[in-house]
Amino acid sequence: MNLFDVYPLNNIEIVKASGSIVWDAEGTEYLDLYGGHAVISIGHTHP
């Protein structure tokens, strides 16, 4: 994923997401606190 060069700053390759949780290629879980560029932050799961 290449989203406005936010995740590559920390050398993280996001491969899966659900709600506000994202996982990298090694299975490490992260809380996604990035709010986006002028968007409503609703998570990664379609309602």
C-alpha atoms as a PDB file:
ATOM      1  CA  MET A   1       0.000   0.000   0.000  1.00  0.00           C
ATOM      2  CA  ASN A   2       1.293   3.446  -0.797  1.00  0.00           C
ATOM      3  CA  LEU A   3      -0.970   6.035   0.796  1.00  0.00           C
ATOM      4  CA  PHE A   4       0.516   9.533   0.656  1.00  0.00           C
ATOM      5  CA  ASP A   5       3.862   8.165   1.892  1.00  0.00           C
ATOM      6  CA  VAL A   6       2.559   7.848   5.470  1.00  0.00           C
ATOM      7  CA  TYR A   7       3.321   4.187   6.180  1.00  0.00           C
ATOM      8  CA  PRO A   8       6.614   4.033   4.214  1.00  0.00           C
ATOM      9  CA  LEU A   9       8.057   6.637   6.613  1.00  0.00           C
ATOM     10  CA  ASN A  10       8.196   3.843   9.193  1.00  0.00           C
ATOM     11  CA  ASN A  11       9.007   1.042   6.724  1.00  0.00           C
ATOM     12  CA  ILE A  12       5.640  -0.677   7.323  1.00  0.00           C
ATOM     13  CA  GLU A  13       3.885  -2.652   4.576  1.00  0.00           C
ATOM     14  CA  ILE A  14       0.180  -2.811   5.448  1.00  0.00           C
ATOM     15  CA  VAL A  15      -1.404  -5.999   4.098  1.00  0.00           C
ATOM     16  CA  LYS A  16      -4.705  -6.228   6.010  1.00  0.00           C
ATOM     17  CA  ALA A  17      -7.072  -3.901   7.866  1.00  0.00           C
ATOM     18  CA  SER A  18     -10.272  -4.067   9.892  1.00  0.00           C
ATOM     19  CA  GLY A  19     -11.851  -1.087  11.603  1.00  0.00           C
ATOM     20  CA  SER A  20      -8.989   0.932  13.079  1.00  0.00           C
ATOM     21  CA  ILE A  21      -6.553  -2.008  13.218  1.00  0.00           C
ATOM     22  CA  VAL A  22      -3.999  -2.674  10.460  1.00  0.00           C
ATOM     23  CA  TRP A  23      -1.508  -5.552  10.101  1.00  0.00           C
ATOM     24  CA  ASP A  24       1.869  -5.581   8.406  1.00  0.00           C
ATOM     25  CA  ALA A  25       3.405  -8.346   6.296  1.00  0.00           C
ATOM     26  CA  GLU A  26       4.942  -9.927   9.430  1.00  0.00           C
ATOM     27  CA  GLY A  27       1.595 -10.093  11.263  1.00  0.00           C
ATOM     28  CA  THR A  28       2.285  -7.197  13.640  1.00  0.00           C
ATOM     29  CA  GLU A  29      -0.916  -5.386  14.637  1.00  0.00           C
ATOM     30  CA  TYR A  30      -1.072  -1.575  14.709  1.00  0.00           C
ATOM     31  CA  LEU A  31      -3.746   0.887  15.778  1.00  0.00           C
ATOM     32  CA  ASP A  32      -4.319   3.165  12.770  1.00  0.00           C
ATOM     33  CA  LEU A  33      -4.474   6.706  14.137  1.00  0.00           C
ATOM     34  CA  TYR A  34      -3.960   8.393  10.766  1.00  0.00           C
ATOM     35  CA  GLY A  35      -7.004  10.579  10.050  1.00  0.00           C
ATOM     36  CA  GLY A  36      -6.428  11.106   6.356  1.00  0.00           C
ATOM     37  CA  HIS A  37      -6.192  14.118   4.100  1.00  0.00           C
ATOM     38  CA  ALA A  38      -9.449  16.049   4.583  1.00  0.00           C
ATOM     39  CA  VAL A  39     -11.597  12.914   4.841  1.00  0.00           C
ATOM     40  CA  ILE A  40     -13.918  11.461   7.453  1.00  0.00           C
ATOM     41  CA  SER A  41     -12.131   8.701   9.330  1.00  0.00           C
ATOM     42  CA  ILE A  42     -14.551   5.738   9.324  1.00  0.00           C
ATOM     43  CA  GLY A  43     -12.166   2.806   9.453  1.00  0.00           C
ATOM     44  CA  HIS A  44     -11.298   0.104   6.948  1.00  0.00           C
ATOM     45  CA  THR A  45     -14.478  -1.984   7.058  1.00  0.00           C
ATOM     46  CA  HIS A  46     -17.453  -1.303   4.826  1.00  0.00           C
ATOM     47  CA  PRO A  47     -20.614  -1.029   6.960  1.00  0.00           C
END
